[in-house]
Amino acid sequence: MRRQARETVFKYIYSRLFNIDEGLFDVLASDLNIDDKKFATDLLNAVDKDFDKNLQVIQDYSIGFKLDRVINVDKCALLVGLAELDNFPDTPTPVVIDEAVNICAKYSTEKSTDYVNGILSRYATEKKND
């Protein structure tokens, strides 16, 4: 299930904030089926490819406070969501946003869901209008 694949990538990105364990992704992804593991791997590669660009997007869209004030859980959920919006055009935008919001609902604060929803919605709308 892609939801589990997204959550696997989220957990791995979050863990990298604290340490680097190259084998951790394989452990986290061990219960994914082949298709979902491929999706998770492709999504992780997209997060890594666009990492700096998407940190800047988060900063630009976080009106009123700096990137270092964004909760790490929210930052990781946004990095995954932004990478999916930019690199997986076959996934409907509302699905990407909903999945990122669900990650925040599970792992972050109640206010985080509104924050992540707002950033991703605004980004997707502006990207569509470009």
N, C-alpha and C. Protein backbone atom coordinates (compact mmCIF):
# COMPACT_ATOMS: atom_id res chain seq x y z
N MET A 1 0.84 -1.18 0.00
CA MET A 1 0.00 0.00 0.00
C MET A 1 0.89 1.24 0.00
N ARG A 2 0.62 2.17 -0.89
CA ARG A 2 1.47 3.35 -1.01
C ARG A 2 1.51 4.19 0.26
N ARG A 3 0.44 4.16 1.03
CA ARG A 3 0.45 4.91 2.30
C ARG A 3 1.60 4.43 3.17
N GLN A 4 1.75 3.13 3.26
CA GLN A 4 2.83 2.56 4.07
C GLN A 4 4.19 2.90 3.46
N ALA A 5 4.29 2.93 2.14
CA ALA A 5 5.54 3.29 1.47
C ALA A 5 5.91 4.74 1.78
N ARG A 6 4.92 5.64 1.74
CA ARG A 6 5.18 7.05 2.06
C ARG A 6 5.64 7.19 3.51
N GLU A 7 4.99 6.46 4.39
CA GLU A 7 5.35 6.53 5.80
C GLU A 7 6.75 5.98 6.03
N THR A 8 7.13 4.97 5.29
CA THR A 8 8.48 4.42 5.37
C THR A 8 9.50 5.47 4.99
N VAL A 9 9.26 6.18 3.89
CA VAL A 9 10.18 7.24 3.45
C VAL A 9 10.21 8.35 4.49
N PHE A 10 9.07 8.74 5.00
CA PHE A 10 8.99 9.77 6.05
C PHE A 10 9.85 9.36 7.25
N LYS A 11 9.69 8.15 7.74
CA LYS A 11 10.45 7.69 8.91
C LYS A 11 11.94 7.70 8.63
N TYR A 12 12.32 7.29 7.44
CA TYR A 12 13.74 7.27 7.10
C TYR A 12 14.31 8.69 7.02
N ILE A 13 13.60 9.59 6.37
CA ILE A 13 14.06 10.98 6.27
C ILE A 13 14.18 11.58 7.68
N TYR A 14 13.19 11.31 8.51
CA TYR A 14 13.22 11.83 9.88
C TYR A 14 14.42 11.27 10.64
N SER A 15 14.69 9.98 10.50
CA SER A 15 15.82 9.37 11.22
C SER A 15 17.15 9.96 10.78
N ARG A 16 17.24 10.37 9.51
CA ARG A 16 18.49 10.95 9.01
C ARG A 16 18.80 12.30 9.64
N LEU A 17 17.81 12.95 10.22
CA LEU A 17 18.08 14.20 10.92
C LEU A 17 18.98 13.98 12.12
N PHE A 18 18.99 12.75 12.63
CA PHE A 18 19.71 12.45 13.86
C PHE A 18 20.93 11.57 13.65
N ASN A 19 20.88 10.69 12.67
CA ASN A 19 22.03 9.86 12.36
C ASN A 19 21.84 9.27 10.97
N ILE A 20 22.92 8.75 10.45
CA ILE A 20 22.86 8.14 9.12
C ILE A 20 23.13 6.65 9.29
N ASP A 21 22.18 5.86 8.87
CA ASP A 21 22.31 4.41 8.90
C ASP A 21 21.80 3.92 7.55
N GLU A 22 22.70 3.66 6.67
CA GLU A 22 22.34 3.29 5.31
C GLU A 22 21.47 2.04 5.25
N GLY A 23 21.57 1.15 6.22
CA GLY A 23 20.78 -0.05 6.20
C GLY A 23 19.37 0.13 6.75
N LEU A 24 19.10 1.27 7.36
CA LEU A 24 17.80 1.49 7.99
C LEU A 24 16.65 1.49 7.00
N PHE A 25 16.84 2.07 5.83
CA PHE A 25 15.76 2.09 4.85
C PHE A 25 15.30 0.68 4.52
N ASP A 26 16.25 -0.23 4.31
CA ASP A 26 15.88 -1.61 3.99
C ASP A 26 15.12 -2.27 5.13
N VAL A 27 15.48 -1.96 6.36
CA VAL A 27 14.75 -2.50 7.51
C VAL A 27 13.33 -1.95 7.53
N LEU A 28 13.20 -0.64 7.37
CA LEU A 28 11.88 -0.01 7.38
C LEU A 28 11.00 -0.51 6.24
N ALA A 29 11.62 -0.76 5.09
CA ALA A 29 10.86 -1.17 3.91
C ALA A 29 10.69 -2.68 3.80
N SER A 30 11.16 -3.41 4.77
CA SER A 30 11.15 -4.88 4.67
C SER A 30 9.75 -5.49 4.59
N ASP A 31 8.75 -4.79 5.11
CA ASP A 31 7.40 -5.36 5.07
C ASP A 31 6.57 -4.83 3.89
N LEU A 32 7.20 -4.08 2.99
CA LEU A 32 6.50 -3.59 1.80
C LEU A 32 6.57 -4.65 0.70
N ASN A 33 5.52 -4.69 -0.12
CA ASN A 33 5.60 -5.59 -1.28
C ASN A 33 6.54 -4.99 -2.32
N ILE A 34 6.83 -5.72 -3.36
CA ILE A 34 7.82 -5.29 -4.36
C ILE A 34 7.45 -3.95 -4.99
N ASP A 35 6.19 -3.79 -5.39
CA ASP A 35 5.77 -2.54 -6.03
C ASP A 35 5.88 -1.35 -5.08
N ASP A 36 5.46 -1.55 -3.84
CA ASP A 36 5.52 -0.45 -2.87
C ASP A 36 6.96 -0.12 -2.48
N LYS A 37 7.81 -1.14 -2.43
CA LYS A 37 9.22 -0.87 -2.13
C LYS A 37 9.86 -0.08 -3.27
N LYS A 38 9.49 -0.38 -4.50
CA LYS A 38 10.01 0.39 -5.63
C LYS A 38 9.52 1.83 -5.55
N PHE A 39 8.23 2.01 -5.25
CA PHE A 39 7.69 3.35 -5.10
C PHE A 39 8.40 4.09 -3.97
N ALA A 40 8.61 3.44 -2.84
CA ALA A 40 9.30 4.07 -1.71
C ALA A 40 10.72 4.45 -2.09
N THR A 41 11.41 3.58 -2.81
CA THR A 41 12.78 3.87 -3.24
C THR A 41 12.79 5.06 -4.20
N ASP A 42 11.87 5.06 -5.15
CA ASP A 42 11.79 6.18 -6.10
C ASP A 42 11.44 7.48 -5.38
N LEU A 43 10.55 7.41 -4.42
CA LEU A 43 10.17 8.60 -3.66
C LEU A 43 11.34 9.10 -2.82
N LEU A 44 12.06 8.20 -2.18
CA LEU A 44 13.24 8.59 -1.41
C LEU A 44 14.27 9.26 -2.30
N ASN A 45 14.49 8.71 -3.49
CA ASN A 45 15.43 9.32 -4.43
C ASN A 45 14.97 10.71 -4.84
N ALA A 46 13.67 10.89 -5.01
CA ALA A 46 13.13 12.21 -5.36
C ALA A 46 13.30 13.19 -4.21
N VAL A 47 13.09 12.74 -2.99
CA VAL A 47 13.31 13.60 -1.82
C VAL A 47 14.76 14.05 -1.79
N ASP A 48 15.67 13.11 -1.97
CA ASP A 48 17.10 13.44 -1.94
C ASP A 48 17.48 14.38 -3.07
N LYS A 49 16.96 14.14 -4.25
CA LYS A 49 17.29 14.96 -5.42
C LYS A 49 16.86 16.42 -5.22
N ASP A 50 15.68 16.60 -4.65
CA ASP A 50 15.11 17.94 -4.51
C ASP A 50 15.23 18.50 -3.10
N PHE A 51 16.06 17.88 -2.27
CA PHE A 51 16.11 18.22 -0.84
C PHE A 51 16.33 19.71 -0.60
N ASP A 52 17.40 20.26 -1.12
CA ASP A 52 17.71 21.69 -0.87
C ASP A 52 16.66 22.61 -1.48
N LYS A 53 16.22 22.29 -2.68
CA LYS A 53 15.17 23.10 -3.32
C LYS A 53 13.91 23.11 -2.48
N ASN A 54 13.53 21.95 -1.98
CA ASN A 54 12.29 21.88 -1.21
C ASN A 54 12.42 22.47 0.19
N LEU A 55 13.61 22.44 0.76
CA LEU A 55 13.80 23.19 2.02
C LEU A 55 13.56 24.68 1.78
N GLN A 56 14.01 25.16 0.63
CA GLN A 56 13.79 26.57 0.30
C GLN A 56 12.30 26.84 0.06
N VAL A 57 11.60 25.91 -0.56
CA VAL A 57 10.15 26.05 -0.75
C VAL A 57 9.46 26.16 0.61
N ILE A 58 9.84 25.28 1.53
CA ILE A 58 9.24 25.32 2.88
C ILE A 58 9.52 26.67 3.51
N GLN A 59 10.74 27.16 3.40
CA GLN A 59 11.09 28.47 3.96
C GLN A 59 10.25 29.57 3.31
N ASP A 60 10.16 29.55 2.00
CA ASP A 60 9.43 30.59 1.27
C ASP A 60 7.94 30.60 1.60
N TYR A 61 7.37 29.44 1.85
CA TYR A 61 5.94 29.34 2.10
C TYR A 61 5.59 29.43 3.59
N SER A 62 6.58 29.39 4.44
CA SER A 62 6.36 29.50 5.89
C SER A 62 6.39 30.97 6.29
N ILE A 63 5.30 31.62 6.06
CA ILE A 63 5.21 33.05 6.31
C ILE A 63 5.25 33.31 7.81
N GLY A 64 6.15 34.19 8.20
CA GLY A 64 6.20 34.61 9.59
C GLY A 64 7.22 33.91 10.46
N PHE A 65 7.84 32.85 9.96
CA PHE A 65 8.90 32.23 10.76
C PHE A 65 9.89 31.50 9.88
N LYS A 66 11.08 31.30 10.42
CA LYS A 66 12.18 30.71 9.67
C LYS A 66 12.12 29.20 9.68
N LEU A 67 12.83 28.61 8.75
CA LEU A 67 12.86 27.16 8.56
C LEU A 67 13.26 26.43 9.84
N ASP A 68 14.18 26.99 10.61
CA ASP A 68 14.63 26.29 11.81
C ASP A 68 13.56 26.23 12.90
N ARG A 69 12.46 26.95 12.72
CA ARG A 69 11.35 26.89 13.67
C ARG A 69 10.28 25.89 13.25
N VAL A 70 10.41 25.32 12.06
CA VAL A 70 9.46 24.32 11.59
C VAL A 70 9.77 23.00 12.31
N ILE A 71 8.75 22.40 12.89
CA ILE A 71 8.92 21.13 13.59
C ILE A 71 9.48 20.09 12.61
N ASN A 72 10.46 19.33 13.05
CA ASN A 72 11.11 18.36 12.16
C ASN A 72 10.14 17.36 11.54
N VAL A 73 9.15 16.93 12.28
CA VAL A 73 8.15 16.00 11.73
C VAL A 73 7.44 16.66 10.55
N ASP A 74 7.04 17.92 10.73
CA ASP A 74 6.35 18.64 9.66
C ASP A 74 7.27 18.85 8.46
N LYS A 75 8.51 19.17 8.74
CA LYS A 75 9.48 19.38 7.67
C LYS A 75 9.64 18.11 6.84
N CYS A 76 9.75 16.97 7.50
CA CYS A 76 9.91 15.71 6.78
C CYS A 76 8.67 15.35 5.98
N ALA A 77 7.50 15.55 6.56
CA ALA A 77 6.25 15.29 5.83
C ALA A 77 6.15 16.19 4.60
N LEU A 78 6.56 17.44 4.75
CA LEU A 78 6.55 18.37 3.62
C LEU A 78 7.56 17.97 2.55
N LEU A 79 8.74 17.54 2.96
CA LEU A 79 9.75 17.12 1.98
C LEU A 79 9.24 15.94 1.15
N VAL A 80 8.57 15.00 1.81
CA VAL A 80 8.02 13.85 1.09
C VAL A 80 6.89 14.31 0.17
N GLY A 81 5.99 15.15 0.68
CA GLY A 81 4.87 15.63 -0.13
C GLY A 81 5.31 16.46 -1.32
N LEU A 82 6.25 17.36 -1.11
CA LEU A 82 6.74 18.20 -2.20
C LEU A 82 7.43 17.36 -3.27
N ALA A 83 8.23 16.39 -2.83
CA ALA A 83 8.91 15.52 -3.80
C ALA A 83 7.90 14.72 -4.62
N GLU A 84 6.84 14.26 -3.97
CA GLU A 84 5.84 13.50 -4.71
C GLU A 84 5.06 14.40 -5.67
N LEU A 85 4.73 15.60 -5.24
CA LEU A 85 4.02 16.53 -6.13
C LEU A 85 4.84 16.82 -7.39
N ASP A 86 6.14 16.98 -7.22
CA ASP A 86 6.99 17.35 -8.34
C ASP A 86 7.41 16.18 -9.23
N ASN A 87 7.43 14.98 -8.69
CA ASN A 87 8.04 13.86 -9.41
C ASN A 87 7.10 12.72 -9.76
N PHE A 88 5.87 12.77 -9.28
CA PHE A 88 4.92 11.69 -9.53
C PHE A 88 3.61 12.28 -10.04
N PRO A 89 3.61 12.76 -11.28
CA PRO A 89 2.42 13.45 -11.82
C PRO A 89 1.18 12.56 -11.93
N ASP A 90 1.35 11.25 -11.89
CA ASP A 90 0.19 10.36 -11.98
C ASP A 90 -0.58 10.26 -10.66
N THR A 91 0.05 10.68 -9.57
CA THR A 91 -0.65 10.66 -8.28
C THR A 91 -1.45 11.95 -8.16
N PRO A 92 -2.75 11.85 -7.94
CA PRO A 92 -3.57 13.06 -7.83
C PRO A 92 -3.10 13.95 -6.67
N THR A 93 -3.07 15.24 -6.92
CA THR A 93 -2.62 16.21 -5.92
C THR A 93 -3.35 16.06 -4.58
N PRO A 94 -4.69 15.91 -4.58
CA PRO A 94 -5.37 15.75 -3.29
C PRO A 94 -4.90 14.52 -2.50
N VAL A 95 -4.52 13.47 -3.20
CA VAL A 95 -4.02 12.27 -2.53
C VAL A 95 -2.68 12.56 -1.86
N VAL A 96 -1.78 13.24 -2.57
CA VAL A 96 -0.47 13.58 -2.01
C VAL A 96 -0.65 14.44 -0.76
N ILE A 97 -1.49 15.45 -0.86
CA ILE A 97 -1.70 16.35 0.28
C ILE A 97 -2.33 15.59 1.44
N ASP A 98 -3.33 14.79 1.16
CA ASP A 98 -4.00 14.03 2.21
C ASP A 98 -3.04 13.08 2.92
N GLU A 99 -2.18 12.44 2.17
CA GLU A 99 -1.21 11.51 2.77
C GLU A 99 -0.24 12.25 3.69
N ALA A 100 0.25 13.41 3.27
CA ALA A 100 1.16 14.19 4.12
C ALA A 100 0.44 14.67 5.38
N VAL A 101 -0.79 15.09 5.23
CA VAL A 101 -1.59 15.53 6.38
C VAL A 101 -1.83 14.36 7.34
N ASN A 102 -2.10 13.18 6.80
CA ASN A 102 -2.29 12.00 7.64
C ASN A 102 -1.03 11.64 8.42
N ILE A 103 0.13 11.79 7.80
CA ILE A 103 1.38 11.55 8.52
C ILE A 103 1.49 12.52 9.69
N CYS A 104 1.17 13.78 9.44
CA CYS A 104 1.24 14.77 10.52
C CYS A 104 0.21 14.48 11.61
N ALA A 105 -0.97 14.05 11.22
CA ALA A 105 -1.99 13.71 12.21
C ALA A 105 -1.52 12.57 13.11
N LYS A 106 -0.76 11.66 12.54
CA LYS A 106 -0.29 10.50 13.30
C LYS A 106 0.93 10.83 14.16
N TYR A 107 1.85 11.67 13.66
CA TYR A 107 3.13 11.86 14.32
C TYR A 107 3.39 13.26 14.88
N SER A 108 2.55 14.21 14.57
CA SER A 108 2.85 15.59 14.97
C SER A 108 1.69 16.19 15.75
N THR A 109 1.61 17.50 15.74
CA THR A 109 0.61 18.21 16.52
C THR A 109 -0.66 18.44 15.72
N GLU A 110 -1.71 18.80 16.40
CA GLU A 110 -2.99 19.07 15.73
C GLU A 110 -2.85 20.25 14.75
N LYS A 111 -2.11 21.27 15.14
CA LYS A 111 -1.92 22.44 14.28
C LYS A 111 -1.07 22.10 13.05
N SER A 112 -0.27 21.08 13.15
CA SER A 112 0.60 20.70 12.04
C SER A 112 -0.18 20.29 10.80
N THR A 113 -1.33 19.67 11.00
CA THR A 113 -2.11 19.24 9.84
C THR A 113 -2.54 20.44 9.00
N ASP A 114 -2.97 21.51 9.65
CA ASP A 114 -3.36 22.72 8.92
C ASP A 114 -2.16 23.36 8.22
N TYR A 115 -1.03 23.39 8.92
CA TYR A 115 0.19 23.98 8.37
C TYR A 115 0.63 23.23 7.11
N VAL A 116 0.74 21.91 7.21
CA VAL A 116 1.21 21.09 6.08
C VAL A 116 0.20 21.16 4.93
N ASN A 117 -1.08 21.09 5.25
CA ASN A 117 -2.11 21.21 4.23
C ASN A 117 -1.99 22.55 3.51
N GLY A 118 -1.82 23.62 4.26
CA GLY A 118 -1.73 24.96 3.67
C GLY A 118 -0.54 25.12 2.75
N ILE A 119 0.61 24.65 3.19
CA ILE A 119 1.83 24.78 2.37
C ILE A 119 1.71 23.96 1.08
N LEU A 120 1.31 22.71 1.21
CA LEU A 120 1.22 21.86 0.03
C LEU A 120 0.13 22.33 -0.93
N SER A 121 -1.00 22.76 -0.40
CA SER A 121 -2.09 23.26 -1.25
C SER A 121 -1.67 24.50 -2.01
N ARG A 122 -1.03 25.42 -1.31
CA ARG A 122 -0.59 26.65 -1.96
C ARG A 122 0.48 26.35 -3.02
N TYR A 123 1.41 25.50 -2.68
CA TYR A 123 2.46 25.12 -3.63
C TYR A 123 1.86 24.47 -4.87
N ALA A 124 0.95 23.52 -4.67
CA ALA A 124 0.33 22.83 -5.80
C ALA A 124 -0.46 23.78 -6.68
N THR A 125 -1.17 24.71 -6.07
CA THR A 125 -1.95 25.69 -6.82
C THR A 125 -1.05 26.59 -7.64
N GLU A 126 0.01 27.09 -7.03
CA GLU A 126 0.93 27.97 -7.75
C GLU A 126 1.68 27.22 -8.84
N LYS A 127 2.03 25.98 -8.58
CA LYS A 127 2.72 25.17 -9.59
C LYS A 127 1.81 24.93 -10.78
N LYS A 128 0.55 24.67 -10.51
CA LYS A 128 -0.44 24.43 -11.57
C LYS A 128 -0.64 25.68 -12.43
N ASN A 129 -0.55 26.84 -11.80
CA ASN A 129 -0.75 28.11 -12.51
C ASN A 129 0.47 28.60 -13.26
N ASP A 130 1.62 27.96 -13.04
CA ASP A 130 2.85 28.38 -13.75
C ASP A 130 2.85 27.95 -15.18
